[in-house]
Amino acid sequence: MKLKLIIFALTFFWNAAARPDDVLSESDSARSVEEIINQTSKRSEYYKEKACIDTKRIRSTKVLDNRHVVFKLGREKYFLVQLANRCPGLRRNQTVKLNMRLNRLCEYDTIQGFDTNSYGSMMEGARCMIPGFTEVTEAQVEQLELTLRDELDKARAAAKEKRRLEKEARRAKRQAKS
């Protein structure tokens, strides 16, 4: 579901940016969100993939969460790395180490985060393989950040509610015993 939501957000902003008048056609507006999310599209229809990027052109690296990293190349080029699984050690706005060959970062190279331990020294996280790079716009990066932040907030709220309900259940059980 998360992947479908991310793909939908990226598709929406990509298509909106590609339209000259920024006006959706009647056929697009008539389709429901569920139809758009559930449609089967070829990967090449909604994003451009790249196998390698030149590390000399990387201006910044931004870790969005433990599965998404964005590389900014030049002034307005962004490449998103979507890892297949969670990468232990990668955290939001954290320093990363790129393990690569030559001056190019390519698919199958690895990325790893650095954790600061209680003594102030840096510990390397797990190495995670880069599956490839997806070219995205700045608006898509911002939308992805908002979506990931919202998902995290919802998960935290759900966990908090679960703890509250468990606490109430324990309290009711204690009162029933007395």
Protein backbone atom coordinates (compact mmCIF):
# COMPACT_ATOMS: atom_id res chain seq x y z
CA MET A 1 0.00 0.00 0.00
CA LYS A 2 2.84 2.39 0.85
CA LEU A 3 4.50 1.66 -2.47
CA LYS A 4 1.25 2.31 -4.33
CA LEU A 5 0.83 5.62 -2.48
CA ILE A 6 4.38 6.67 -3.30
CA ILE A 7 3.98 5.65 -6.94
CA PHE A 8 0.69 7.54 -7.10
CA ALA A 9 2.26 10.69 -5.64
CA LEU A 10 5.24 10.50 -7.99
CA THR A 11 2.98 9.81 -10.99
CA PHE A 12 0.65 12.67 -10.12
CA PHE A 13 3.40 15.26 -9.80
CA TRP A 14 5.29 13.95 -12.81
CA ASN A 15 2.18 14.20 -15.01
CA ALA A 16 1.19 17.59 -13.59
CA ALA A 17 4.66 18.97 -14.34
CA ALA A 18 4.59 17.57 -17.87
CA ARG A 19 1.32 19.27 -18.86
CA PRO A 20 1.80 22.67 -20.51
CA ASP A 21 -1.33 24.32 -19.10
CA ASP A 22 -1.35 22.54 -15.73
CA VAL A 23 -4.95 21.59 -16.45
CA LEU A 24 -6.17 18.02 -16.12
CA SER A 25 -8.28 16.68 -18.94
CA GLU A 26 -11.88 15.60 -18.33
CA SER A 27 -10.92 11.93 -18.65
CA ASP A 28 -8.29 12.29 -15.89
CA SER A 29 -10.62 14.11 -13.52
CA ALA A 30 -13.35 11.50 -14.04
CA ARG A 31 -11.11 8.66 -12.84
CA SER A 32 -11.19 7.89 -9.15
CA VAL A 33 -8.12 7.68 -6.96
CA GLU A 34 -8.69 3.92 -6.55
CA GLU A 35 -8.69 3.42 -10.33
CA ILE A 36 -5.44 5.32 -10.66
CA ILE A 37 -3.76 3.44 -7.80
CA ASN A 38 -4.95 0.03 -8.97
CA GLN A 39 -4.03 0.45 -12.61
CA THR A 40 -1.16 -1.61 -13.93
CA SER A 41 1.42 0.50 -15.70
CA LYS A 42 4.79 -0.25 -17.14
CA ARG A 43 7.63 1.14 -15.05
CA SER A 44 8.89 3.14 -18.02
CA GLU A 45 5.55 4.99 -18.20
CA TYR A 46 5.92 6.75 -14.87
CA TYR A 47 9.61 7.20 -14.21
CA LYS A 48 13.08 7.23 -15.71
CA GLU A 49 15.67 4.88 -14.30
CA LYS A 50 19.41 5.29 -14.41
CA ALA A 51 22.05 2.68 -13.61
CA CYS A 52 24.85 5.05 -12.47
CA ILE A 53 25.44 8.63 -11.42
CA ASP A 54 28.70 10.58 -11.47
CA THR A 55 29.81 11.25 -7.89
CA LYS A 56 31.60 14.44 -8.92
CA ARG A 57 28.20 15.97 -9.70
CA ILE A 58 26.56 15.07 -6.35
CA ARG A 59 25.77 18.31 -4.50
CA SER A 60 23.96 16.75 -1.54
CA THR A 61 22.64 13.48 -0.18
CA LYS A 62 19.46 13.36 1.89
CA VAL A 63 18.24 10.31 3.79
CA LEU A 64 14.44 10.47 3.96
CA ASP A 65 13.99 7.26 5.95
CA ASN A 66 15.49 3.78 6.17
CA ARG A 67 14.34 2.92 2.61
CA HIS A 68 14.64 6.20 0.65
CA VAL A 69 17.70 8.33 -0.17
CA VAL A 70 17.77 11.34 -2.52
CA PHE A 71 20.87 12.57 -4.36
CA LYS A 72 20.90 16.12 -5.74
CA LEU A 73 23.05 16.53 -8.83
CA GLY A 74 23.70 19.99 -10.19
CA ARG A 75 21.04 22.61 -9.61
CA GLU A 76 17.80 20.84 -10.43
CA LYS A 77 18.45 17.12 -10.92
CA TYR A 78 17.33 14.73 -8.23
CA PHE A 79 17.72 10.96 -8.12
CA LEU A 80 15.80 8.77 -5.69
CA VAL A 81 17.08 5.44 -4.41
CA GLN A 82 14.30 3.17 -3.16
CA LEU A 83 15.78 0.26 -1.27
CA ALA A 84 13.94 -3.05 -1.45
CA ASN A 85 13.94 -3.51 2.34
CA ARG A 86 14.63 -1.46 5.45
CA CYS A 87 18.30 -0.61 5.77
CA PRO A 88 19.44 -0.88 9.41
CA GLY A 89 21.52 2.14 10.31
CA LEU A 90 19.99 4.55 7.79
CA ARG A 91 18.13 7.34 9.52
CA ARG A 92 16.62 10.63 8.46
CA ASN A 93 19.12 13.47 7.90
CA GLN A 94 22.06 11.22 8.72
CA THR A 95 25.58 10.98 7.32
CA VAL A 96 26.05 8.16 4.83
CA LYS A 97 29.00 6.32 3.37
CA LEU A 98 28.93 5.35 -0.31
CA ASN A 99 30.84 2.18 -1.18
CA MET A 100 31.55 2.35 -4.90
CA ARG A 101 33.98 1.67 -7.68
CA LEU A 102 35.81 4.52 -9.43
CA ASN A 103 33.96 7.88 -9.58
CA ARG A 104 30.54 6.47 -10.33
CA LEU A 105 27.85 5.31 -7.96
CA CYS A 106 26.00 2.50 -9.68
CA GLU A 107 23.32 -0.04 -8.98
CA TYR A 108 24.67 -2.92 -6.89
CA ASP A 109 27.04 -0.53 -5.09
CA THR A 110 26.23 -0.09 -1.41
CA ILE A 111 25.22 2.68 0.96
CA GLN A 112 25.45 2.65 4.74
CA GLY A 113 24.55 5.04 7.53
CA PHE A 114 26.64 6.09 10.50
CA ASP A 115 25.35 5.90 14.06
CA THR A 116 26.82 7.97 16.85
CA ASN A 117 27.13 5.84 19.98
CA SER A 118 26.99 7.07 23.57
CA TYR A 119 30.76 7.69 23.55
CA GLY A 120 30.49 10.10 20.62
CA SER A 121 32.25 7.85 18.12
CA MET A 122 30.77 6.87 14.77
CA MET A 123 29.68 3.30 14.13
CA GLU A 124 28.93 2.05 10.63
CA GLY A 125 25.48 0.64 9.93
CA ALA A 126 24.67 -2.27 7.64
CA ARG A 127 25.61 -2.10 3.96
CA CYS A 128 22.57 -1.93 1.71
CA MET A 129 22.63 -2.55 -2.03
CA ILE A 130 21.45 0.25 -4.33
CA PRO A 131 18.89 -1.17 -6.80
CA GLY A 132 19.08 1.81 -9.17
CA PHE A 133 18.27 5.50 -9.43
CA THR A 134 14.95 7.09 -10.32
CA GLU A 135 15.02 10.64 -11.66
CA VAL A 136 12.50 12.80 -9.80
CA THR A 137 11.64 16.48 -9.56
CA GLU A 138 12.08 18.69 -6.50
CA ALA A 139 8.28 18.75 -6.06
CA GLN A 140 8.20 14.95 -6.05
CA VAL A 141 10.93 14.84 -3.39
CA GLU A 142 8.97 17.29 -1.23
CA GLN A 143 5.76 15.28 -1.68
CA LEU A 144 7.56 12.05 -0.80
CA GLU A 145 8.98 13.65 2.35
CA LEU A 146 5.49 14.78 3.40
CA THR A 147 4.01 11.36 2.69
CA LEU A 148 6.71 9.54 4.65
CA ARG A 149 6.38 11.98 7.56
CA ASP A 150 2.59 11.51 7.59
CA GLU A 151 2.97 7.72 7.59
CA LEU A 152 5.41 7.93 10.48
CA ASP A 153 3.06 10.21 12.45
CA LYS A 154 0.14 7.82 11.83
CA ALA A 155 2.19 4.82 12.94
CA ARG A 156 3.27 6.64 16.11
CA ALA A 157 -0.32 7.66 16.87
CA ALA A 158 -1.54 4.08 16.33
CA ALA A 159 1.18 2.70 18.64
CA LYS A 160 0.33 5.30 21.28
CA GLU A 161 -3.38 4.42 21.06
CA LYS A 162 -2.55 0.70 21.32
CA ARG A 163 -0.48 1.31 24.46
CA ARG A 164 -3.30 3.40 25.94
CA LEU A 165 -5.86 0.65 25.29
CA GLU A 166 -3.57 -2.02 26.76
CA LYS A 167 -3.05 0.14 29.85
CA GLU A 168 -6.82 0.60 30.25
CA ALA A 169 -7.35 -3.15 29.85
CA ARG A 170 -4.76 -3.90 32.56
CA ARG A 171 -6.34 -1.30 34.84
CA ALA A 172 -9.84 -2.77 34.29
CA LYS A 173 -8.49 -6.27 34.96
CA ARG A 174 -6.92 -5.13 38.25
CA GLN A 175 -10.16 -3.42 39.30
CA ALA A 176 -12.16 -6.55 38.46
CA LYS A 177 -9.90 -8.65 40.69
CA SER A 178 -10.33 -6.32 43.66
